[in-house]
């Protein structure tokens, strides 16, 4: 096919699916049902590429405002507080849970593109933690009423964080700091966790058939956070294999 035609067609189809998701809450159906499976497959591909093709095309004012809002929302001491390493930490960055360059996809989880810089979609993390979070080498999983950092790629465990004495092994299992008691959007952390565990299987970081308690909790969080229609949409756009494994354990663990 002519160069660039297929990507353009894919983008067009995905944009139509996004428009359908936006309008579905108003009872408007713009995409025929028989097209939905193909569009959902395209949607999940677009979702993953959003994390894998991280963009730094942000203005200084946008990043500054997002930082100020997230520091205030979580009740952090200052801009130099990492939500894993604590205060007086150098190299702290805004870490988007849902990737900034895929803001249009937020409608798939009942949010809007304008929510991309909402503090509930942001964490303040050391730049090395942020780097591996973006690339699914680690994620956050539910533990009781808290979220803890979980390293999925054992290859990074011995690595030291920039300008720190700690390794990733040292921070594996560390609780997400949020002095204000306020939480990020749980549906976004759940989505990230599901994709991260899927990548871990693809890279042989986890046994192929092992469904972890963290994944069960992530699916439960989706149900807790979304209405019935949105739950159905999310189940269908998430990887079919992961969703099938999750359904076998549905309800075993409370979110």
C-alpha atoms as a PDB file:
ATOM      1  CA  UNK A   1       0.000   0.000   0.000  1.00  0.00           C
ATOM      2  CA  UNK A   2       1.178   3.626  -0.440  1.00  0.00           C
ATOM      3  CA  UNK A   3       3.481   4.747   2.346  1.00  0.00           C
ATOM      4  CA  UNK A   4       1.567   6.226   5.261  1.00  0.00           C
ATOM      5  CA  UNK A   5      -1.893   5.113   4.138  1.00  0.00           C
ATOM      6  CA  UNK A   6      -2.384   2.300   6.669  1.00  0.00           C
ATOM      7  CA  UNK A   7      -1.361   4.373   9.714  1.00  0.00           C
ATOM      8  CA  UNK A   8      -3.684   7.130   8.539  1.00  0.00           C
ATOM      9  CA  UNK A   9      -6.588   4.684   8.187  1.00  0.00           C
ATOM     10  CA  UNK A  10      -5.856   3.236  11.645  1.00  0.00           C
ATOM     11  CA  UNK A  11      -5.777   6.700  13.180  1.00  0.00           C
ATOM     12  CA  UNK A  12      -9.068   7.551  11.516  1.00  0.00           C
ATOM     13  CA  UNK A  13     -10.750   4.377  12.777  1.00  0.00           C
ATOM     14  CA  UNK A  14      -9.431   4.861  16.301  1.00  0.00           C
ATOM     15  CA  UNK A  15     -10.620   8.469  16.358  1.00  0.00           C
ATOM     16  CA  UNK A  16     -14.076   7.268  15.303  1.00  0.00           C
ATOM     17  CA  UNK A  17     -14.070   4.726  18.127  1.00  0.00           C
ATOM     18  CA  UNK A  18     -13.046   7.407  20.614  1.00  0.00           C
ATOM     19  CA  UNK A  19     -15.882   9.614  19.354  1.00  0.00           C
ATOM     20  CA  UNK A  20     -18.269   6.696  19.821  1.00  0.00           C
ATOM     21  CA  UNK A  21     -17.074   6.182  23.400  1.00  0.00           C
ATOM     22  CA  UNK A  22     -17.516   9.881  24.137  1.00  0.00           C
ATOM     23  CA  UNK A  23     -21.048   9.892  22.780  1.00  0.00           C
ATOM     24  CA  UNK A  24     -22.175   6.578  24.242  1.00  0.00           C
ATOM     25  CA  UNK A  25     -22.935   8.162  27.611  1.00  0.00           C
ATOM     26  CA  UNK A  26     -25.482  10.349  25.831  1.00  0.00           C
ATOM     27  CA  UNK A  27     -27.083   7.312  24.212  1.00  0.00           C
ATOM     28  CA  UNK A  28     -25.649   8.038  20.762  1.00  0.00           C
ATOM     29  CA  UNK A  29     -24.202   5.066  18.886  1.00  0.00           C
ATOM     30  CA  UNK A  30     -21.960   6.047  15.991  1.00  0.00           C
ATOM     31  CA  UNK A  31     -20.057   2.800  15.321  1.00  0.00           C
ATOM     32  CA  UNK A  32     -21.830  -0.404  14.163  1.00  0.00           C
ATOM     33  CA  UNK A  33     -21.498  -3.191  16.710  1.00  0.00           C
ATOM     34  CA  UNK A  34     -19.826  -5.555  14.238  1.00  0.00           C
ATOM     35  CA  UNK A  35     -16.921  -3.108  13.900  1.00  0.00           C
ATOM     36  CA  UNK A  36     -16.274  -2.817  17.629  1.00  0.00           C
ATOM     37  CA  UNK A  37     -13.952  -5.855  18.072  1.00  0.00           C
ATOM     38  CA  UNK A  38     -11.545  -4.631  15.387  1.00  0.00           C
ATOM     39  CA  UNK A  39     -11.623  -1.104  16.747  1.00  0.00           C
ATOM     40  CA  UNK A  40     -11.016  -2.309  20.286  1.00  0.00           C
ATOM     41  CA  UNK A  41      -7.985  -4.283  19.090  1.00  0.00           C
ATOM     42  CA  UNK A  42      -6.737  -1.096  17.461  1.00  0.00           C
ATOM     43  CA  UNK A  43      -7.537   0.852  20.620  1.00  0.00           C
ATOM     44  CA  UNK A  44      -5.416  -1.375  22.848  1.00  0.00           C
ATOM     45  CA  UNK A  45      -2.542  -1.182  20.359  1.00  0.00           C
ATOM     46  CA  UNK A  46      -2.795   2.599  20.403  1.00  0.00           C
ATOM     47  CA  UNK A  47      -2.980   2.563  24.196  1.00  0.00           C
ATOM     48  CA  UNK A  48       0.243   0.591  24.544  1.00  0.00           C
ATOM     49  CA  UNK A  49       2.100   2.703  22.004  1.00  0.00           C
ATOM     50  CA  UNK A  50       1.082   5.741  24.032  1.00  0.00           C
ATOM     51  CA  UNK A  51       3.204   4.468  26.891  1.00  0.00           C
ATOM     52  CA  UNK A  52       6.007   3.130  24.715  1.00  0.00           C
ATOM     53  CA  UNK A  53       6.402   6.295  22.646  1.00  0.00           C
ATOM     54  CA  UNK A  54       6.764   8.747  25.477  1.00  0.00           C
ATOM     55  CA  UNK A  55       6.723  12.372  24.355  1.00  0.00           C
ATOM     56  CA  UNK A  56       8.545  15.248  26.019  1.00  0.00           C
ATOM     57  CA  UNK A  57       6.752  17.911  23.989  1.00  0.00           C
ATOM     58  CA  UNK A  58       5.461  19.830  26.983  1.00  0.00           C
ATOM     59  CA  UNK A  59       5.717  23.542  27.622  1.00  0.00           C
ATOM     60  CA  UNK A  60       7.480  24.692  30.777  1.00  0.00           C
ATOM     61  CA  UNK A  61       4.300  26.339  32.063  1.00  0.00           C
ATOM     62  CA  UNK A  62       2.241  23.150  31.563  1.00  0.00           C
ATOM     63  CA  UNK A  63       4.764  21.056  33.471  1.00  0.00           C
ATOM     64  CA  UNK A  64       5.079  23.659  36.223  1.00  0.00           C
ATOM     65  CA  UNK A  65       1.323  23.893  36.769  1.00  0.00           C
ATOM     66  CA  UNK A  66       0.964  20.097  36.794  1.00  0.00           C
ATOM     67  CA  UNK A  67       3.769  19.896  39.366  1.00  0.00           C
ATOM     68  CA  UNK A  68       2.254  22.517  41.654  1.00  0.00           C
ATOM     69  CA  UNK A  69      -1.164  20.851  41.510  1.00  0.00           C
ATOM     70  CA  UNK A  70       0.154  17.354  42.216  1.00  0.00           C
ATOM     71  CA  UNK A  71       2.361  18.491  45.123  1.00  0.00           C
ATOM     72  CA  UNK A  72      -0.665  20.222  46.663  1.00  0.00           C
ATOM     73  CA  UNK A  73      -3.101  17.366  45.966  1.00  0.00           C
ATOM     74  CA  UNK A  74      -0.962  14.690  47.623  1.00  0.00           C
ATOM     75  CA  UNK A  75       0.153  16.967  50.463  1.00  0.00           C
ATOM     76  CA  UNK A  76       3.864  16.653  49.666  1.00  0.00           C
ATOM     77  CA  UNK A  77       6.467  18.776  51.442  1.00  0.00           C
ATOM     78  CA  UNK A  78       7.880  20.269  48.249  1.00  0.00           C
ATOM     79  CA  UNK A  79       8.672  19.694  44.604  1.00  0.00           C
ATOM     80  CA  UNK A  80      11.686  17.672  45.789  1.00  0.00           C
ATOM     81  CA  UNK A  81       9.533  15.019  47.444  1.00  0.00           C
ATOM     82  CA  UNK A  82       9.405  11.667  45.656  1.00  0.00           C
ATOM     83  CA  UNK A  83       6.358   9.564  46.485  1.00  0.00           C
ATOM     84  CA  UNK A  84       8.602   6.525  46.898  1.00  0.00           C
ATOM     85  CA  UNK A  85      11.895   7.919  48.230  1.00  0.00           C
ATOM     86  CA  UNK A  86      10.471  10.732  50.358  1.00  0.00           C
ATOM     87  CA  UNK A  87      11.514  14.372  50.834  1.00  0.00           C
ATOM     88  CA  UNK A  88      14.810  16.013  49.831  1.00  0.00           C
ATOM     89  CA  UNK A  89      15.086  13.914  46.690  1.00  0.00           C
ATOM     90  CA  UNK A  90      16.837  15.222  43.582  1.00  0.00           C
ATOM     91  CA  UNK A  91      15.696  14.416  40.043  1.00  0.00           C
ATOM     92  CA  UNK A  92      11.958  14.265  40.819  1.00  0.00           C
ATOM     93  CA  UNK A  93       9.649  14.451  37.806  1.00  0.00           C
ATOM     94  CA  UNK A  94       5.968  14.499  36.938  1.00  0.00           C
ATOM     95  CA  UNK A  95       5.017  10.907  36.138  1.00  0.00           C
ATOM     96  CA  UNK A  96       1.802  10.575  34.159  1.00  0.00           C
ATOM     97  CA  UNK A  97      -0.019   7.328  34.923  1.00  0.00           C
ATOM     98  CA  UNK A  98      -1.897   7.593  31.631  1.00  0.00           C
ATOM     99  CA  UNK A  99       0.530   8.857  28.950  1.00  0.00           C
ATOM    100  CA  UNK A 100       0.265  12.505  28.033  1.00  0.00           C
ATOM    101  CA  UNK A 101       0.582  11.831  24.308  1.00  0.00           C
ATOM    102  CA  UNK A 102      -2.516   9.616  24.344  1.00  0.00           C
ATOM    103  CA  UNK A 103      -4.937  11.921  26.143  1.00  0.00           C
ATOM    104  CA  UNK A 104      -7.741  11.165  23.657  1.00  0.00           C
ATOM    105  CA  UNK A 105      -7.799   7.569  24.897  1.00  0.00           C
ATOM    106  CA  UNK A 106      -8.946   8.634  28.361  1.00  0.00           C
ATOM    107  CA  UNK A 107     -12.554   8.396  27.177  1.00  0.00           C
ATOM    108  CA  UNK A 108     -12.129   4.616  27.215  1.00  0.00           C
ATOM    109  CA  UNK A 109     -12.057   4.772  31.032  1.00  0.00           C
ATOM    110  CA  UNK A 110     -14.775   7.407  31.419  1.00  0.00           C
ATOM    111  CA  UNK A 111     -12.452  10.401  31.648  1.00  0.00           C
ATOM    112  CA  UNK A 112     -11.857  13.271  29.248  1.00  0.00           C
ATOM    113  CA  UNK A 113      -8.718  14.395  27.347  1.00  0.00           C
ATOM    114  CA  UNK A 114      -8.706  17.529  29.509  1.00  0.00           C
ATOM    115  CA  UNK A 115      -8.097  15.289  32.561  1.00  0.00           C
ATOM    116  CA  UNK A 116      -4.602  14.372  31.382  1.00  0.00           C
ATOM    117  CA  UNK A 117      -2.855  16.826  33.744  1.00  0.00           C
ATOM    118  CA  UNK A 118      -5.264  16.280  36.632  1.00  0.00           C
ATOM    119  CA  UNK A 119      -3.193  15.500  39.755  1.00  0.00           C
ATOM    120  CA  UNK A 120      -5.058  12.185  40.023  1.00  0.00           C
ATOM    121  CA  UNK A 121      -3.243  11.173  36.818  1.00  0.00           C
ATOM    122  CA  UNK A 122       0.123  12.321  38.145  1.00  0.00           C
ATOM    123  CA  UNK A 123       2.702  11.000  40.558  1.00  0.00           C
ATOM    124  CA  UNK A 124       5.885  12.730  41.712  1.00  0.00           C
ATOM    125  CA  UNK A 125       8.679  10.212  41.196  1.00  0.00           C
ATOM    126  CA  UNK A 126      12.447  10.055  40.872  1.00  0.00           C
ATOM    127  CA  UNK A 127      13.290  10.152  37.160  1.00  0.00           C
ATOM    128  CA  UNK A 128      14.579   6.562  37.075  1.00  0.00           C
ATOM    129  CA  UNK A 129      11.372   5.248  38.664  1.00  0.00           C
ATOM    130  CA  UNK A 130       9.357   7.323  36.199  1.00  0.00           C
ATOM    131  CA  UNK A 131      11.412   5.951  33.280  1.00  0.00           C
ATOM    132  CA  UNK A 132      10.741   2.307  34.122  1.00  0.00           C
ATOM    133  CA  UNK A 133       7.106   2.995  35.054  1.00  0.00           C
ATOM    134  CA  UNK A 134       6.527   4.424  31.574  1.00  0.00           C
ATOM    135  CA  UNK A 135       7.982   1.280  30.027  1.00  0.00           C
ATOM    136  CA  UNK A 136       6.113  -1.255  32.197  1.00  0.00           C
ATOM    137  CA  UNK A 137       9.197  -2.655  33.942  1.00  0.00           C
ATOM    138  CA  UNK A 138       7.453  -1.790  37.191  1.00  0.00           C
ATOM    139  CA  UNK A 139       3.968  -0.798  38.251  1.00  0.00           C
ATOM    140  CA  UNK A 140       1.836  -0.045  41.315  1.00  0.00           C
ATOM    141  CA  UNK A 141      -0.415  -2.680  42.855  1.00  0.00           C
ATOM    142  CA  UNK A 142      -3.069  -2.538  45.530  1.00  0.00           C
ATOM    143  CA  UNK A 143      -2.158  -3.712  49.025  1.00  0.00           C
ATOM    144  CA  UNK A 144      -4.916  -3.166  51.539  1.00  0.00           C
ATOM    145  CA  UNK A 145      -5.871   0.491  51.177  1.00  0.00           C
ATOM    146  CA  UNK A 146      -2.475   1.475  49.772  1.00  0.00           C
ATOM    147  CA  UNK A 147      -0.585   1.127  46.518  1.00  0.00           C
ATOM    148  CA  UNK A 148       2.899  -0.320  46.543  1.00  0.00           C
ATOM    149  CA  UNK A 149       5.612  -0.289  43.899  1.00  0.00           C
ATOM    150  CA  UNK A 150       6.147  -3.677  42.255  1.00  0.00           C
ATOM    151  CA  UNK A 151       9.222  -4.358  40.113  1.00  0.00           C
ATOM    152  CA  UNK A 152       8.290  -6.860  37.401  1.00  0.00           C
ATOM    153  CA  UNK A 153      11.619  -6.958  35.566  1.00  0.00           C
ATOM    154  CA  UNK A 154      14.164  -8.626  37.846  1.00  0.00           C
ATOM    155  CA  UNK A 155      16.955  -7.413  35.554  1.00  0.00           C
ATOM    156  CA  UNK A 156      16.659  -3.890  36.944  1.00  0.00           C
ATOM    157  CA  UNK A 157      16.688  -4.901  40.628  1.00  0.00           C
ATOM    158  CA  UNK A 158      20.475  -4.397  41.074  1.00  0.00           C
ATOM    159  CA  UNK A 159      20.463  -0.995  39.350  1.00  0.00           C
ATOM    160  CA  UNK A 160      21.120   2.069  41.518  1.00  0.00           C
ATOM    161  CA  UNK A 161      18.937   5.123  41.141  1.00  0.00           C
ATOM    162  CA  UNK A 162      20.658   8.230  39.858  1.00  0.00           C
ATOM    163  CA  UNK A 163      22.412  10.157  42.669  1.00  0.00           C
ATOM    164  CA  UNK A 164      21.042   7.698  45.252  1.00  0.00           C
ATOM    165  CA  UNK A 165      22.370   4.744  47.206  1.00  0.00           C
ATOM    166  CA  UNK A 166      19.143   2.740  46.776  1.00  0.00           C
ATOM    167  CA  UNK A 167      18.665   0.070  44.129  1.00  0.00           C
ATOM    168  CA  UNK A 168      15.360  -0.985  42.601  1.00  0.00           C
ATOM    169  CA  UNK A 169      15.502  -4.025  44.858  1.00  0.00           C
ATOM    170  CA  UNK A 170      15.554  -1.672  47.846  1.00  0.00           C
ATOM    171  CA  UNK A 171      12.394   0.115  46.769  1.00  0.00           C
ATOM    172  CA  UNK A 172      10.481  -2.946  45.539  1.00  0.00           C
ATOM    173  CA  UNK A 173       7.372  -3.134  47.729  1.00  0.00           C
ATOM    174  CA  UNK A 174       7.654   0.475  48.920  1.00  0.00           C
ATOM    175  CA  UNK A 175       4.343   2.189  49.682  1.00  0.00           C
ATOM    176  CA  UNK A 176       3.231   5.164  47.589  1.00  0.00           C
ATOM    177  CA  UNK A 177       3.469   8.251  49.810  1.00  0.00           C
ATOM    178  CA  UNK A 178       0.367  10.443  49.899  1.00  0.00           C
ATOM    179  CA  UNK A 179       0.313  12.453  53.162  1.00  0.00           C
ATOM    180  CA  UNK A 180      -3.016  14.076  52.271  1.00  0.00           C
ATOM    181  CA  UNK A 181      -4.657  10.650  52.114  1.00  0.00           C
ATOM    182  CA  UNK A 182      -5.828  11.362  48.586  1.00  0.00           C
ATOM    183  CA  UNK A 183      -5.521   8.705  45.886  1.00  0.00           C
ATOM    184  CA  UNK A 184      -4.665   8.807  42.199  1.00  0.00           C
ATOM    185  CA  UNK A 185      -7.371   7.524  39.833  1.00  0.00           C
ATOM    186  CA  UNK A 186      -7.488   3.832  40.657  1.00  0.00           C
ATOM    187  CA  UNK A 187      -8.833   2.871  37.242  1.00  0.00           C
ATOM    188  CA  UNK A 188      -5.665   4.304  35.670  1.00  0.00           C
ATOM    189  CA  UNK A 189      -3.324   2.487  38.036  1.00  0.00           C
ATOM    190  CA  UNK A 190      -5.330  -0.688  37.378  1.00  0.00           C
ATOM    191  CA  UNK A 191      -5.011  -0.246  33.603  1.00  0.00           C
ATOM    192  CA  UNK A 192      -1.274   0.307  33.910  1.00  0.00           C
ATOM    193  CA  UNK A 193      -0.910  -2.743  36.155  1.00  0.00           C
ATOM    194  CA  UNK A 194      -2.785  -4.979  33.711  1.00  0.00           C
ATOM    195  CA  UNK A 195      -0.641  -3.864  30.767  1.00  0.00           C
ATOM    196  CA  UNK A 196       2.557  -4.139  32.821  1.00  0.00           C
ATOM    197  CA  UNK A 197       1.781  -7.714  33.857  1.00  0.00           C
ATOM    198  CA  UNK A 198       0.947  -8.566  30.253  1.00  0.00           C
ATOM    199  CA  UNK A 199       4.342  -7.230  29.140  1.00  0.00           C
ATOM    200  CA  UNK A 200       6.014  -9.166  31.967  1.00  0.00           C
ATOM    201  CA  UNK A 201       4.626 -12.394  30.492  1.00  0.00           C
ATOM    202  CA  UNK A 202       5.659 -11.442  26.979  1.00  0.00           C
ATOM    203  CA  UNK A 203       9.214 -10.813  28.238  1.00  0.00           C
ATOM    204  CA  UNK A 204       9.230 -13.967  30.412  1.00  0.00           C
ATOM    205  CA  UNK A 205       9.524 -11.931  33.611  1.00  0.00           C
ATOM    206  CA  UNK A 206       6.514 -13.876  34.928  1.00  0.00           C
ATOM    207  CA  UNK A 207       5.458 -17.493  34.347  1.00  0.00           C
ATOM    208  CA  UNK A 208       3.186 -17.667  31.303  1.00  0.00           C
ATOM    209  CA  UNK A 209       0.126 -19.006  33.112  1.00  0.00           C
ATOM    210  CA  UNK A 210       0.546 -17.277  36.446  1.00  0.00           C
ATOM    211  CA  UNK A 211      -2.312 -14.948  37.300  1.00  0.00           C
ATOM    212  CA  UNK A 212      -1.177 -12.833  40.206  1.00  0.00           C
ATOM    213  CA  UNK A 213      -3.289 -11.496  43.035  1.00  0.00           C
ATOM    214  CA  UNK A 214      -2.275  -8.015  41.846  1.00  0.00           C
ATOM    215  CA  UNK A 215      -3.929  -8.655  38.479  1.00  0.00           C
ATOM    216  CA  UNK A 216      -7.097  -9.921  40.122  1.00  0.00           C
ATOM    217  CA  UNK A 217      -7.174  -6.782  42.227  1.00  0.00           C
ATOM    218  CA  UNK A 218      -6.616  -4.629  39.134  1.00  0.00           C
ATOM    219  CA  UNK A 219      -9.660  -6.165  37.432  1.00  0.00           C
ATOM    220  CA  UNK A 220     -11.683  -5.715  40.610  1.00  0.00           C
ATOM    221  CA  UNK A 221     -10.621  -2.058  40.767  1.00  0.00           C
ATOM    222  CA  UNK A 222     -11.936  -1.557  37.256  1.00  0.00           C
ATOM    223  CA  UNK A 223     -15.332  -2.841  38.333  1.00  0.00           C
ATOM    224  CA  UNK A 224     -15.307  -0.701  41.464  1.00  0.00           C
ATOM    225  CA  UNK A 225     -14.387   2.481  39.558  1.00  0.00           C
ATOM    226  CA  UNK A 226     -16.582   2.244  36.456  1.00  0.00           C
ATOM    227  CA  UNK A 227     -20.261   1.891  35.652  1.00  0.00           C
ATOM    228  CA  UNK A 228     -21.569  -1.223  33.869  1.00  0.00           C
ATOM    229  CA  UNK A 229     -21.305   0.197  30.348  1.00  0.00           C
ATOM    230  CA  UNK A 230     -17.761   1.411  30.891  1.00  0.00           C
ATOM    231  CA  UNK A 231     -16.771  -1.909  32.487  1.00  0.00           C
ATOM    232  CA  UNK A 232     -17.911  -3.702  29.343  1.00  0.00           C
ATOM    233  CA  UNK A 233     -15.967  -1.301  27.140  1.00  0.00           C
ATOM    234  CA  UNK A 234     -12.807  -1.707  29.201  1.00  0.00           C
ATOM    235  CA  UNK A 235     -13.081  -5.508  29.318  1.00  0.00           C
ATOM    236  CA  UNK A 236     -13.297  -5.611  25.542  1.00  0.00           C
ATOM    237  CA  UNK A 237     -10.407  -3.287  24.818  1.00  0.00           C
ATOM    238  CA  UNK A 238      -8.073  -4.959  27.314  1.00  0.00           C
ATOM    239  CA  UNK A 239      -6.130  -7.933  26.012  1.00  0.00           C
ATOM    240  CA  UNK A 240      -8.545 -10.859  25.555  1.00  0.00           C
ATOM    241  CA  UNK A 241      -6.222 -13.376  27.134  1.00  0.00           C
ATOM    242  CA  UNK A 242      -5.613 -11.272  30.225  1.00  0.00           C
ATOM    243  CA  UNK A 243      -9.329 -10.563  30.610  1.00  0.00           C
ATOM    244  CA  UNK A 244     -10.142 -14.276  30.322  1.00  0.00           C
ATOM    245  CA  UNK A 245      -7.587 -15.181  32.989  1.00  0.00           C
ATOM    246  CA  UNK A 246      -8.930 -12.422  35.182  1.00  0.00           C
ATOM    247  CA  UNK A 247     -12.535 -13.564  34.843  1.00  0.00           C
ATOM    248  CA  UNK A 248     -11.626 -16.952  36.325  1.00  0.00           C
ATOM    249  CA  UNK A 249     -10.622 -15.234  39.554  1.00  0.00           C
ATOM    250  CA  UNK A 250     -13.204 -12.418  39.476  1.00  0.00           C
ATOM    251  CA  UNK A 251     -14.549 -11.643  42.893  1.00  0.00           C
ATOM    252  CA  UNK A 252     -11.934 -13.644  44.811  1.00  0.00           C
ATOM    253  CA  UNK A 253     -10.145 -10.563  46.096  1.00  0.00           C
ATOM    254  CA  UNK A 254     -11.840  -7.346  47.219  1.00  0.00           C
ATOM    255  CA  UNK A 255     -10.551  -4.126  45.642  1.00  0.00           C
END
